[in-house]
Amino acid sequence: MWRERVREKFHEFDYAWIADHYAISEQQARHAVDEMLGVIEQRLVKINTENA
């Protein structure tokens, strides 16, 4: 559920700004955000599993 909320916030995110400031393409910026969300999700699953 949290992932959908976060992804919704990134829906209108200015990927062009990231592309310009970090010398990457907009597609690479989108991929980086997807990767970041994946890492967060993995860590939350691990935390929830350890605390169950």
Protein backbone atom coordinates (compact mmCIF):
# COMPACT_ATOMS: atom_id res chain seq x y z
CA MET A 1 0.00 0.00 0.00
CA TRP A 2 2.77 2.46 0.89
CA ARG A 3 4.46 1.77 -2.44
CA GLU A 4 1.38 2.90 -4.38
CA ARG A 5 1.21 6.11 -2.33
CA VAL A 6 4.89 6.87 -2.87
CA ARG A 7 4.69 5.97 -6.56
CA GLU A 8 1.71 8.32 -6.88
CA LYS A 9 3.81 11.13 -5.41
CA PHE A 10 6.52 10.42 -7.96
CA HIS A 11 3.97 10.40 -10.81
CA GLU A 12 4.39 14.15 -11.33
CA PHE A 13 8.00 14.26 -10.17
CA ASP A 14 10.32 16.37 -12.33
CA TYR A 15 12.57 13.68 -13.76
CA ALA A 16 13.90 16.21 -16.29
CA TRP A 17 15.35 18.22 -13.38
CA ILE A 18 17.22 15.16 -12.11
CA ALA A 19 18.39 14.38 -15.63
CA ASP A 20 19.77 17.90 -16.06
CA HIS A 21 21.43 18.09 -12.65
CA TYR A 22 22.95 14.63 -12.64
CA ALA A 23 23.75 14.25 -16.34
CA ILE A 24 21.53 11.21 -16.81
CA SER A 25 18.52 10.57 -19.00
CA GLU A 26 14.96 10.87 -17.72
CA GLN A 27 14.61 7.12 -18.19
CA GLN A 28 17.66 6.56 -15.98
CA ALA A 29 16.14 8.87 -13.36
CA ARG A 30 12.89 6.88 -13.44
CA HIS A 31 14.86 3.65 -13.13
CA ALA A 32 16.79 5.04 -10.16
CA VAL A 33 13.53 5.92 -8.38
CA ASP A 34 12.13 2.45 -9.09
CA GLU A 35 15.32 0.91 -7.72
CA MET A 36 15.14 3.11 -4.62
CA LEU A 37 11.54 2.05 -3.98
CA GLY A 38 12.54 -1.58 -4.40
CA VAL A 39 15.30 -1.25 -1.80
CA ILE A 40 12.94 0.45 0.64
CA GLU A 41 10.36 -2.29 0.12
CA GLN A 42 12.95 -5.04 0.72
CA ARG A 43 14.10 -3.38 3.94
CA LEU A 44 10.54 -2.95 5.20
CA VAL A 45 9.77 -6.60 4.48
CA LYS A 46 12.90 -7.62 6.39
CA ILE A 47 12.01 -5.39 9.34
CA ASN A 48 8.44 -6.72 9.44
CA THR A 49 9.68 -10.32 9.22
CA GLU A 50 12.16 -9.81 12.04
CA ASN A 51 9.54 -8.16 14.24
CA ALA A 52 6.80 -10.73 13.60
